[in-house]
Amino acid sequence: AFGVAGYLALMAVSFMGLQPSSRGSRFIPGALLLGGILGMVFSAYLTYLEAFVIHAWCQWCVASAFIMVVAFIAILPEARRLRGLK
């Protein structure tokens, strides 16, 4: 449920960024970067638990972690956009 909520939040902020009224907004790139970082940290924590505590792998968890890595890579250009808005 946390993963779905996180993905939905990233998607909602992304769609907000497509609106012409959001041009020049510092909120959109900042929220995307923060959400991407939080998602990566949480995925890394869950992967750690799988590997070293549970000693079992969940295919859905691995797929979710992979999707979060891809989403984070897609969000990285927002860092340049955020720097350009200063």
Protein backbone atom coordinates (compact mmCIF):
# COMPACT_ATOMS: atom_id res chain seq x y z
CA ALA A 1 0.00 0.00 0.00
CA PHE A 2 2.89 2.39 0.77
CA GLY A 3 4.41 1.71 -2.64
CA VAL A 4 1.15 2.33 -4.47
CA ALA A 5 0.64 5.57 -2.55
CA GLY A 6 4.19 6.67 -3.38
CA TYR A 7 3.83 5.86 -7.07
CA LEU A 8 0.48 7.65 -7.21
CA ALA A 9 1.95 10.71 -5.49
CA LEU A 10 4.84 10.84 -7.96
CA MET A 11 2.42 10.45 -10.85
CA ALA A 12 0.13 13.20 -9.53
CA VAL A 13 3.03 15.64 -9.10
CA SER A 14 4.28 14.73 -12.58
CA PHE A 15 0.88 15.51 -14.08
CA MET A 16 0.78 18.79 -12.15
CA GLY A 17 4.12 19.65 -13.77
CA LEU A 18 2.58 19.29 -17.22
CA GLN A 19 0.18 22.17 -16.59
CA PRO A 20 1.22 25.49 -18.20
CA SER A 21 0.50 27.30 -14.93
CA SER A 22 3.23 25.34 -13.16
CA ARG A 23 6.08 26.66 -15.32
CA GLY A 24 8.66 28.26 -13.09
CA SER A 25 7.32 26.51 -10.02
CA ARG A 26 9.94 25.29 -7.56
CA PHE A 27 7.42 22.93 -5.94
CA ILE A 28 7.15 20.45 -8.83
CA PRO A 29 10.85 19.62 -9.31
CA GLY A 30 11.47 19.74 -5.56
CA ALA A 31 8.59 17.40 -4.79
CA LEU A 32 9.64 14.99 -7.54
CA LEU A 33 13.24 14.90 -6.30
CA LEU A 34 12.17 14.45 -2.68
CA GLY A 35 9.70 11.73 -3.62
CA GLY A 36 12.28 9.96 -5.76
CA ILE A 37 14.88 10.05 -3.01
CA LEU A 38 12.42 8.84 -0.38
CA GLY A 39 11.26 6.07 -2.70
CA MET A 40 14.83 4.95 -3.36
CA VAL A 41 15.72 4.97 0.35
CA PHE A 42 12.60 3.01 1.28
CA SER A 43 13.20 0.49 -1.53
CA ALA A 44 16.81 0.05 -0.40
CA TYR A 45 15.62 -0.53 3.18
CA LEU A 46 13.11 -3.15 2.08
CA THR A 47 15.73 -4.84 -0.12
CA TYR A 48 18.10 -4.91 2.87
CA LEU A 49 15.38 -6.58 4.96
CA GLU A 50 14.81 -9.17 2.25
CA ALA A 51 18.49 -9.99 1.93
CA PHE A 52 19.72 -9.89 5.53
CA VAL A 53 16.73 -10.29 7.84
CA ILE A 54 14.07 -12.35 6.08
CA HIS A 55 16.50 -14.28 3.84
CA ALA A 56 13.82 -14.51 1.16
CA TRP A 57 13.09 -12.58 -1.99
CA CYS A 58 9.68 -11.40 -3.15
CA GLN A 59 9.37 -11.03 -6.91
CA TRP A 60 6.93 -8.13 -6.49
CA CYS A 61 9.30 -6.32 -4.14
CA VAL A 62 12.23 -6.74 -6.51
CA ALA A 63 10.08 -5.50 -9.41
CA SER A 64 8.94 -2.52 -7.34
CA ALA A 65 12.53 -1.66 -6.41
CA PHE A 66 13.52 -1.84 -10.09
CA ILE A 67 10.62 0.43 -11.07
CA MET A 68 11.63 2.92 -8.37
CA VAL A 69 15.22 2.98 -9.68
CA VAL A 70 13.92 3.67 -13.20
CA ALA A 71 11.57 6.38 -11.88
CA PHE A 72 14.41 7.99 -9.93
CA ILE A 73 16.62 8.05 -13.03
CA ALA A 74 13.75 9.67 -14.94
CA ILE A 75 13.40 12.28 -12.18
CA LEU A 76 17.10 13.26 -12.12
CA PRO A 77 16.76 15.90 -14.87
CA GLU A 78 14.53 17.82 -12.45
CA ALA A 79 17.65 18.64 -10.44
CA ARG A 80 18.91 20.75 -13.35
CA ARG A 81 15.49 22.34 -13.70
CA LEU A 82 15.47 23.17 -10.00
CA ARG A 83 18.97 24.69 -10.20
CA GLY A 84 17.92 26.77 -13.20
CA LEU A 85 15.02 28.33 -11.30
CA LYS A 86 17.23 30.10 -8.74
